[in-house]
Amino acid sequence: MATENVTLVVDAKGLACPMPVFKAKKGLQSVQIGEVVEVLSTDPGSVADFKAFANSTGHELLLSEQDGTVYRFLLRRAK
């Protein structure tokens, strides 16, 4: 488990693509540059979605892990 200071937790469990990424984007817009948003999802496709999202937006994907059926992502706002 990462020890980053999380500013905001976005609970996107139970939502299908593209909603976890959409909710993460809104969450990132609500925090300051350099702050970290934690996203929780149950959509298996979100693993690839968050990698692509980070690559296309420039936000840093600090963590991508799975605990049972829940996927956890830490994203640092870059801009």
PDB file of N, CA and C in Angstrom:
ATOM      1  N   MET A   1       0.847  -1.184   0.000  1.00  0.00           N
ATOM      2  CA  MET A   1       0.000   0.000   0.000  1.00  0.00           C
ATOM      3  C   MET A   1       0.886   1.238   0.000  1.00  0.00           C
ATOM      4  N   ALA A   2       0.591   2.175  -0.887  1.00  0.00           N
ATOM      5  CA  ALA A   2       1.373   3.397  -1.000  1.00  0.00           C
ATOM      6  C   ALA A   2       1.114   4.313   0.190  1.00  0.00           C
ATOM      7  N   THR A   3       2.105   5.125   0.503  1.00  0.00           N
ATOM      8  CA  THR A   3       1.996   6.014   1.651  1.00  0.00           C
ATOM      9  C   THR A   3       1.816   7.473   1.239  1.00  0.00           C
ATOM     10  N   GLU A   4       1.372   7.722   0.037  1.00  0.00           N
ATOM     11  CA  GLU A   4       1.128   9.084  -0.435  1.00  0.00           C
ATOM     12  C   GLU A   4       0.019   9.725   0.394  1.00  0.00           C
ATOM     13  N   ASN A   5       0.130  11.025   0.600  1.00  0.00           N
ATOM     14  CA  ASN A   5      -0.938  11.764   1.273  1.00  0.00           C
ATOM     15  C   ASN A   5      -2.069  11.979   0.279  1.00  0.00           C
ATOM     16  N   VAL A   6      -3.196  11.370   0.539  1.00  0.00           N
ATOM     17  CA  VAL A   6      -4.345  11.455  -0.361  1.00  0.00           C
ATOM     18  C   VAL A   6      -5.189  12.661   0.027  1.00  0.00           C
ATOM     19  N   THR A   7      -5.460  13.516  -0.945  1.00  0.00           N
ATOM     20  CA  THR A   7      -6.273  14.705  -0.718  1.00  0.00           C
ATOM     21  C   THR A   7      -7.751  14.406  -0.876  1.00  0.00           C
ATOM     22  N   LEU A   8      -8.085  13.535  -1.825  1.00  0.00           N
ATOM     23  CA  LEU A   8      -9.480  13.258  -2.156  1.00  0.00           C
ATOM     24  C   LEU A   8      -9.625  11.790  -2.519  1.00  0.00           C
ATOM     25  N   VAL A   9     -10.694  11.159  -2.043  1.00  0.00           N
ATOM     26  CA  VAL A   9     -11.021   9.781  -2.418  1.00  0.00           C
ATOM     27  C   VAL A   9     -12.261   9.816  -3.303  1.00  0.00           C
ATOM     28  N   VAL A  10     -12.146   9.202  -4.472  1.00  0.00           N
ATOM     29  CA  VAL A  10     -13.261   9.104  -5.413  1.00  0.00           C
ATOM     30  C   VAL A  10     -13.736   7.659  -5.420  1.00  0.00           C
ATOM     31  N   ASP A  11     -14.953   7.437  -4.986  1.00  0.00           N
ATOM     32  CA  ASP A  11     -15.521   6.092  -4.948  1.00  0.00           C
ATOM     33  C   ASP A  11     -16.322   5.863  -6.226  1.00  0.00           C
ATOM     34  N   ALA A  12     -15.741   5.093  -7.129  1.00  0.00           N
ATOM     35  CA  ALA A  12     -16.401   4.791  -8.401  1.00  0.00           C
ATOM     36  C   ALA A  12     -16.778   3.312  -8.474  1.00  0.00           C
ATOM     37  N   LYS A  13     -16.882   2.680  -7.312  1.00  0.00           N
ATOM     38  CA  LYS A  13     -17.245   1.259  -7.287  1.00  0.00           C
ATOM     39  C   LYS A  13     -18.660   1.081  -7.833  1.00  0.00           C
ATOM     40  N   GLY A  14     -18.832   0.026  -8.634  1.00  0.00           N
ATOM     41  CA  GLY A  14     -20.141  -0.267  -9.215  1.00  0.00           C
ATOM     42  C   GLY A  14     -20.411   0.449 -10.523  1.00  0.00           C
ATOM     43  N   LEU A  15     -19.499   1.319 -10.935  1.00  0.00           N
ATOM     44  CA  LEU A  15     -19.683   2.064 -12.185  1.00  0.00           C
ATOM     45  C   LEU A  15     -18.863   1.417 -13.301  1.00  0.00           C
ATOM     46  N   ALA A  16     -19.432   1.426 -14.497  1.00  0.00           N
ATOM     47  CA  ALA A  16     -18.744   0.866 -15.662  1.00  0.00           C
ATOM     48  C   ALA A  16     -18.084   1.973 -16.468  1.00  0.00           C
ATOM     49  N   CYS A  17     -17.167   1.579 -17.323  1.00  0.00           N
ATOM     50  CA  CYS A  17     -16.461   2.484 -18.216  1.00  0.00           C
ATOM     51  C   CYS A  17     -17.477   3.331 -18.996  1.00  0.00           C
ATOM     52  N   PRO A  18     -17.254   4.594 -19.125  1.00  0.00           N
ATOM     53  CA  PRO A  18     -16.080   5.401 -18.769  1.00  0.00           C
ATOM     54  C   PRO A  18     -16.222   6.156 -17.449  1.00  0.00           C
ATOM     55  N   MET A  19     -17.207   5.818 -16.640  1.00  0.00           N
ATOM     56  CA  MET A  19     -17.519   6.607 -15.452  1.00  0.00           C
ATOM     57  C   MET A  19     -16.382   6.682 -14.414  1.00  0.00           C
ATOM     58  N   PRO A  20     -15.633   5.614 -14.120  1.00  0.00           N
ATOM     59  CA  PRO A  20     -14.541   5.780 -13.156  1.00  0.00           C
ATOM     60  C   PRO A  20     -13.526   6.846 -13.585  1.00  0.00           C
ATOM     61  N   VAL A  21     -13.170   6.856 -14.864  1.00  0.00           N
ATOM     62  CA  VAL A  21     -12.225   7.858 -15.359  1.00  0.00           C
ATOM     63  C   VAL A  21     -12.867   9.247 -15.339  1.00  0.00           C
ATOM     64  N   PHE A  22     -14.127   9.333 -15.710  1.00  0.00           N
ATOM     65  CA  PHE A  22     -14.831  10.624 -15.688  1.00  0.00           C
ATOM     66  C   PHE A  22     -14.863  11.192 -14.273  1.00  0.00           C
ATOM     67  N   LYS A  23     -15.183  10.357 -13.295  1.00  0.00           N
ATOM     68  CA  LYS A  23     -15.229  10.812 -11.902  1.00  0.00           C
ATOM     69  C   LYS A  23     -13.826  11.187 -11.410  1.00  0.00           C
ATOM     70  N   ALA A  24     -12.815  10.455 -11.839  1.00  0.00           N
ATOM     71  CA  ALA A  24     -11.435  10.786 -11.469  1.00  0.00           C
ATOM     72  C   ALA A  24     -11.038  12.136 -12.051  1.00  0.00           C
ATOM     73  N   LYS A  25     -11.409  12.378 -13.290  1.00  0.00           N
ATOM     74  CA  LYS A  25     -11.089  13.653 -13.938  1.00  0.00           C
ATOM     75  C   LYS A  25     -11.707  14.813 -13.162  1.00  0.00           C
ATOM     76  N   LYS A  26     -12.972  14.670 -12.774  1.00  0.00           N
ATOM     77  CA  LYS A  26     -13.626  15.714 -11.988  1.00  0.00           C
ATOM     78  C   LYS A  26     -12.941  15.894 -10.639  1.00  0.00           C
ATOM     79  N   GLY A  27     -12.542  14.783 -10.031  1.00  0.00           N
ATOM     80  CA  GLY A  27     -11.835  14.859  -8.756  1.00  0.00           C
ATOM     81  C   GLY A  27     -10.502  15.567  -8.877  1.00  0.00           C
ATOM     82  N   LEU A  28      -9.756  15.258  -9.925  1.00  0.00           N
ATOM     83  CA  LEU A  28      -8.459  15.904 -10.145  1.00  0.00           C
ATOM     84  C   LEU A  28      -8.623  17.405 -10.373  1.00  0.00           C
ATOM     85  N   GLN A  29      -9.703  17.803 -11.013  1.00  0.00           N
ATOM     86  CA  GLN A  29      -9.941  19.224 -11.259  1.00  0.00           C
ATOM     87  C   GLN A  29     -10.247  19.972  -9.962  1.00  0.00           C
ATOM     88  N   SER A  30     -10.643  19.255  -8.919  1.00  0.00           N
ATOM     89  CA  SER A  30     -11.029  19.904  -7.670  1.00  0.00           C
ATOM     90  C   SER A  30      -9.880  20.011  -6.657  1.00  0.00           C
ATOM     91  N   VAL A  31      -8.713  19.454  -6.980  1.00  0.00           N
ATOM     92  CA  VAL A  31      -7.566  19.528  -6.073  1.00  0.00           C
ATOM     93  C   VAL A  31      -6.467  20.380  -6.699  1.00  0.00           C
ATOM     94  N   GLN A  32      -5.493  20.732  -5.883  1.00  0.00           N
ATOM     95  CA  GLN A  32      -4.378  21.561  -6.345  1.00  0.00           C
ATOM     96  C   GLN A  32      -3.346  20.718  -7.093  1.00  0.00           C
ATOM     97  N   ILE A  33      -2.549  21.368  -7.933  1.00  0.00           N
ATOM     98  CA  ILE A  33      -1.464  20.698  -8.639  1.00  0.00           C
ATOM     99  C   ILE A  33      -0.525  20.077  -7.598  1.00  0.00           C
ATOM    100  N   GLY A  34      -0.155  18.824  -7.811  1.00  0.00           N
ATOM    101  CA  GLY A  34       0.725  18.105  -6.905  1.00  0.00           C
ATOM    102  C   GLY A  34      -0.004  17.268  -5.872  1.00  0.00           C
ATOM    103  N   GLU A  35      -1.312  17.513  -5.703  1.00  0.00           N
ATOM    104  CA  GLU A  35      -2.074  16.729  -4.741  1.00  0.00           C
ATOM    105  C   GLU A  35      -2.489  15.388  -5.356  1.00  0.00           C
ATOM    106  N   VAL A  36      -2.835  14.439  -4.474  1.00  0.00           N
ATOM    107  CA  VAL A  36      -3.107  13.069  -4.898  1.00  0.00           C
ATOM    108  C   VAL A  36      -4.579  12.713  -4.700  1.00  0.00           C
ATOM    109  N   VAL A  37      -5.136  12.092  -5.734  1.00  0.00           N
ATOM    110  CA  VAL A  37      -6.513  11.604  -5.701  1.00  0.00           C
ATOM    111  C   VAL A  37      -6.468  10.077  -5.726  1.00  0.00           C
ATOM    112  N   GLU A  38      -7.218   9.468  -4.815  1.00  0.00           N
ATOM    113  CA  GLU A  38      -7.361   8.016  -4.776  1.00  0.00           C
ATOM    114  C   GLU A  38      -8.686   7.655  -5.428  1.00  0.00           C
ATOM    115  N   VAL A  39      -8.656   6.707  -6.342  1.00  0.00           N
ATOM    116  CA  VAL A  39      -9.870   6.258  -7.020  1.00  0.00           C
ATOM    117  C   VAL A  39     -10.068   4.785  -6.737  1.00  0.00           C
ATOM    118  N   LEU A  40     -11.292   4.428  -6.331  1.00  0.00           N
ATOM    119  CA  LEU A  40     -11.669   3.040  -6.086  1.00  0.00           C
ATOM    120  C   LEU A  40     -12.676   2.625  -7.149  1.00  0.00           C
ATOM    121  N   SER A  41     -12.432   1.502  -7.787  1.00  0.00           N
ATOM    122  CA  SER A  41     -13.281   1.037  -8.880  1.00  0.00           C
ATOM    123  C   SER A  41     -13.447  -0.473  -8.808  1.00  0.00           C
ATOM    124  N   THR A  42     -14.542  -0.966  -9.362  1.00  0.00           N
ATOM    125  CA  THR A  42     -14.744  -2.413  -9.469  1.00  0.00           C
ATOM    126  C   THR A  42     -14.754  -2.856 -10.929  1.00  0.00           C
ATOM    127  N   ASP A  43     -14.498  -1.939 -11.843  1.00  0.00           N
ATOM    128  CA  ASP A  43     -14.488  -2.229 -13.271  1.00  0.00           C
ATOM    129  C   ASP A  43     -13.102  -2.741 -13.672  1.00  0.00           C
ATOM    130  N   PRO A  44     -12.972  -4.020 -14.075  1.00  0.00           N
ATOM    131  CA  PRO A  44     -11.659  -4.556 -14.457  1.00  0.00           C
ATOM    132  C   PRO A  44     -11.000  -3.773 -15.589  1.00  0.00           C
ATOM    133  N   GLY A  45     -11.787  -3.183 -16.450  1.00  0.00           N
ATOM    134  CA  GLY A  45     -11.244  -2.390 -17.553  1.00  0.00           C
ATOM    135  C   GLY A  45     -10.585  -1.101 -17.099  1.00  0.00           C
ATOM    136  N   SER A  46     -10.822  -0.719 -15.852  1.00  0.00           N
ATOM    137  CA  SER A  46     -10.267   0.545 -15.368  1.00  0.00           C
ATOM    138  C   SER A  46      -8.743   0.502 -15.253  1.00  0.00           C
ATOM    139  N   VAL A  47      -8.157  -0.693 -15.148  1.00  0.00           N
ATOM    140  CA  VAL A  47      -6.694  -0.795 -15.084  1.00  0.00           C
ATOM    141  C   VAL A  47      -6.083  -0.199 -16.346  1.00  0.00           C
ATOM    142  N   ALA A  48      -6.526  -0.650 -17.497  1.00  0.00           N
ATOM    143  CA  ALA A  48      -6.029  -0.109 -18.763  1.00  0.00           C
ATOM    144  C   ALA A  48      -6.498   1.328 -18.967  1.00  0.00           C
ATOM    145  N   ASP A  49      -7.727   1.623 -18.541  1.00  0.00           N
ATOM    146  CA  ASP A  49      -8.270   2.970 -18.720  1.00  0.00           C
ATOM    147  C   ASP A  49      -7.446   4.022 -17.982  1.00  0.00           C
ATOM    148  N   PHE A  50      -7.027   3.717 -16.738  1.00  0.00           N
ATOM    149  CA  PHE A  50      -6.268   4.704 -15.975  1.00  0.00           C
ATOM    150  C   PHE A  50      -4.845   4.865 -16.489  1.00  0.00           C
ATOM    151  N   LYS A  51      -4.256   3.809 -17.020  1.00  0.00           N
ATOM    152  CA  LYS A  51      -2.938   3.947 -17.659  1.00  0.00           C
ATOM    153  C   LYS A  51      -3.043   4.882 -18.857  1.00  0.00           C
ATOM    154  N   ALA A  52      -4.057   4.655 -19.682  1.00  0.00           N
ATOM    155  CA  ALA A  52      -4.258   5.499 -20.865  1.00  0.00           C
ATOM    156  C   ALA A  52      -4.596   6.936 -20.466  1.00  0.00           C
ATOM    157  N   PHE A  53      -5.424   7.091 -19.439  1.00  0.00           N
ATOM    158  CA  PHE A  53      -5.804   8.422 -18.962  1.00  0.00           C
ATOM    159  C   PHE A  53      -4.571   9.195 -18.498  1.00  0.00           C
ATOM    160  N   ALA A  54      -3.727   8.553 -17.705  1.00  0.00           N
ATOM    161  CA  ALA A  54      -2.516   9.217 -17.214  1.00  0.00           C
ATOM    162  C   ALA A  54      -1.592   9.584 -18.377  1.00  0.00           C
ATOM    163  N   ASN A  55      -1.424   8.681 -19.322  1.00  0.00           N
ATOM    164  CA  ASN A  55      -0.557   8.961 -20.479  1.00  0.00           C
ATOM    165  C   ASN A  55      -1.087  10.107 -21.326  1.00  0.00           C
ATOM    166  N   SER A  56      -2.383  10.207 -21.471  1.00  0.00           N
ATOM    167  CA  SER A  56      -2.948  11.240 -22.349  1.00  0.00           C
ATOM    168  C   SER A  56      -3.108  12.599 -21.670  1.00  0.00           C
ATOM    169  N   THR A  57      -3.175  12.610 -20.335  1.00  0.00           N
ATOM    170  CA  THR A  57      -3.406  13.882 -19.637  1.00  0.00           C
ATOM    171  C   THR A  57      -2.154  14.440 -18.973  1.00  0.00           C
ATOM    172  N   GLY A  58      -1.154  13.597 -18.753  1.00  0.00           N
ATOM    173  CA  GLY A  58       0.057  14.048 -18.076  1.00  0.00           C
ATOM    174  C   GLY A  58       0.007  13.898 -16.571  1.00  0.00           C
ATOM    175  N   HIS A  59      -1.149  13.496 -16.019  1.00  0.00           N
ATOM    176  CA  HIS A  59      -1.217  13.230 -14.580  1.00  0.00           C
ATOM    177  C   HIS A  59      -0.402  11.973 -14.285  1.00  0.00           C
ATOM    178  N   GLU A  60       0.180  11.923 -13.091  1.00  0.00           N
ATOM    179  CA  GLU A  60       1.057  10.811 -12.743  1.00  0.00           C
ATOM    180  C   GLU A  60       0.272   9.690 -12.055  1.00  0.00           C
ATOM    181  N   LEU A  61       0.317   8.506 -12.638  1.00  0.00           N
ATOM    182  CA  LEU A  61      -0.304   7.329 -12.030  1.00  0.00           C
ATOM    183  C   LEU A  61       0.716   6.740 -11.060  1.00  0.00           C
ATOM    184  N   LEU A  62       0.499   6.987  -9.773  1.00  0.00           N
ATOM    185  CA  LEU A  62       1.442   6.565  -8.740  1.00  0.00           C
ATOM    186  C   LEU A  62       1.263   5.110  -8.342  1.00  0.00           C
ATOM    187  N   LEU A  63       0.021   4.628  -8.442  1.00  0.00           N
ATOM    188  CA  LEU A  63      -0.285   3.280  -7.961  1.00  0.00           C
ATOM    189  C   LEU A  63      -1.474   2.722  -8.712  1.00  0.00           C
ATOM    190  N   SER A  64      -1.380   1.450  -9.034  1.00  0.00           N
ATOM    191  CA  SER A  64      -2.496   0.695  -9.597  1.00  0.00           C
ATOM    192  C   SER A  64      -2.427  -0.675  -8.945  1.00  0.00           C
ATOM    193  N   GLU A  65      -3.405  -0.975  -8.078  1.00  0.00           N
ATOM    194  CA  GLU A  65      -3.387  -2.258  -7.390  1.00  0.00           C
ATOM    195  C   GLU A  65      -4.795  -2.816  -7.277  1.00  0.00           C
ATOM    196  N   GLN A  66      -4.865  -4.110  -7.009  1.00  0.00           N
ATOM    197  CA  GLN A  66      -6.143  -4.794  -6.880  1.00  0.00           C
ATOM    198  C   GLN A  66      -6.207  -5.474  -5.525  1.00  0.00           C
ATOM    199  N   ASP A  67      -7.355  -5.338  -4.859  1.00  0.00           N
ATOM    200  CA  ASP A  67      -7.618  -6.029  -3.599  1.00  0.00           C
ATOM    201  C   ASP A  67      -8.973  -6.704  -3.748  1.00  0.00           C
ATOM    202  N   GLY A  68      -8.966  -7.979  -4.077  1.00  0.00           N
ATOM    203  CA  GLY A  68     -10.211  -8.687  -4.351  1.00  0.00           C
ATOM    204  C   GLY A  68     -10.838  -8.142  -5.623  1.00  0.00           C
ATOM    205  N   THR A  69     -12.048  -7.625  -5.514  1.00  0.00           N
ATOM    206  CA  THR A  69     -12.743  -7.083  -6.689  1.00  0.00           C
ATOM    207  C   THR A  69     -12.619  -5.573  -6.795  1.00  0.00           C
ATOM    208  N   VAL A  70     -11.838  -4.964  -5.896  1.00  0.00           N
ATOM    209  CA  VAL A  70     -11.687  -3.502  -5.908  1.00  0.00           C
ATOM    210  C   VAL A  70     -10.307  -3.130  -6.437  1.00  0.00           C
ATOM    211  N   TYR A  71     -10.304  -2.212  -7.390  1.00  0.00           N
ATOM    212  CA  TYR A  71      -9.078  -1.683  -7.961  1.00  0.00           C
ATOM    213  C   TYR A  71      -8.840  -0.311  -7.337  1.00  0.00           C
ATOM    214  N   ARG A  72      -7.581  -0.046  -6.973  1.00  0.00           N
ATOM    215  CA  ARG A  72      -7.227   1.213  -6.316  1.00  0.00           C
ATOM    216  C   ARG A  72      -6.159   1.914  -7.141  1.00  0.00           C
ATOM    217  N   PHE A  73      -6.395   3.184  -7.393  1.00  0.00           N
ATOM    218  CA  PHE A  73      -5.473   3.986  -8.176  1.00  0.00           C
ATOM    219  C   PHE A  73      -5.135   5.255  -7.406  1.00  0.00           C
ATOM    220  N   LEU A  74      -3.880   5.665  -7.474  1.00  0.00           N
ATOM    221  CA  LEU A  74      -3.460   6.950  -6.942  1.00  0.00           C
ATOM    222  C   LEU A  74      -2.945   7.774  -8.101  1.00  0.00           C
ATOM    223  N   LEU A  75      -3.513   8.952  -8.252  1.00  0.00           N
ATOM    224  CA  LEU A  75      -3.138   9.865  -9.324  1.00  0.00           C
ATOM    225  C   LEU A  75      -2.695  11.197  -8.728  1.00  0.00           C
ATOM    226  N   ARG A  76      -1.533  11.699  -9.190  1.00  0.00           N
ATOM    227  CA  ARG A  76      -1.074  13.012  -8.766  1.00  0.00           C
ATOM    228  C   ARG A  76      -1.402  14.020  -9.873  1.00  0.00           C
ATOM    229  N   ARG A  77      -2.087  15.098  -9.491  1.00  0.00           N
ATOM    230  CA  ARG A  77      -2.441  16.124 -10.474  1.00  0.00           C
ATOM    231  C   ARG A  77      -1.185  16.837 -10.954  1.00  0.00           C
ATOM    232  N   ALA A  78      -1.044  16.896 -12.271  1.00  0.00           N
ATOM    233  CA  ALA A  78       0.152  17.485 -12.882  1.00  0.00           C
ATOM    234  C   ALA A  78      -0.082  18.902 -13.392  1.00  0.00           C
ATOM    235  N   LYS A  79      -1.296  19.214 -13.769  1.00  0.00           N
ATOM    236  CA  LYS A  79      -1.552  20.542 -14.336  1.00  0.00           C
ATOM    237  C   LYS A  79      -2.959  20.980 -14.073  1.00  0.00           C
TER     238      LYS A  79
END
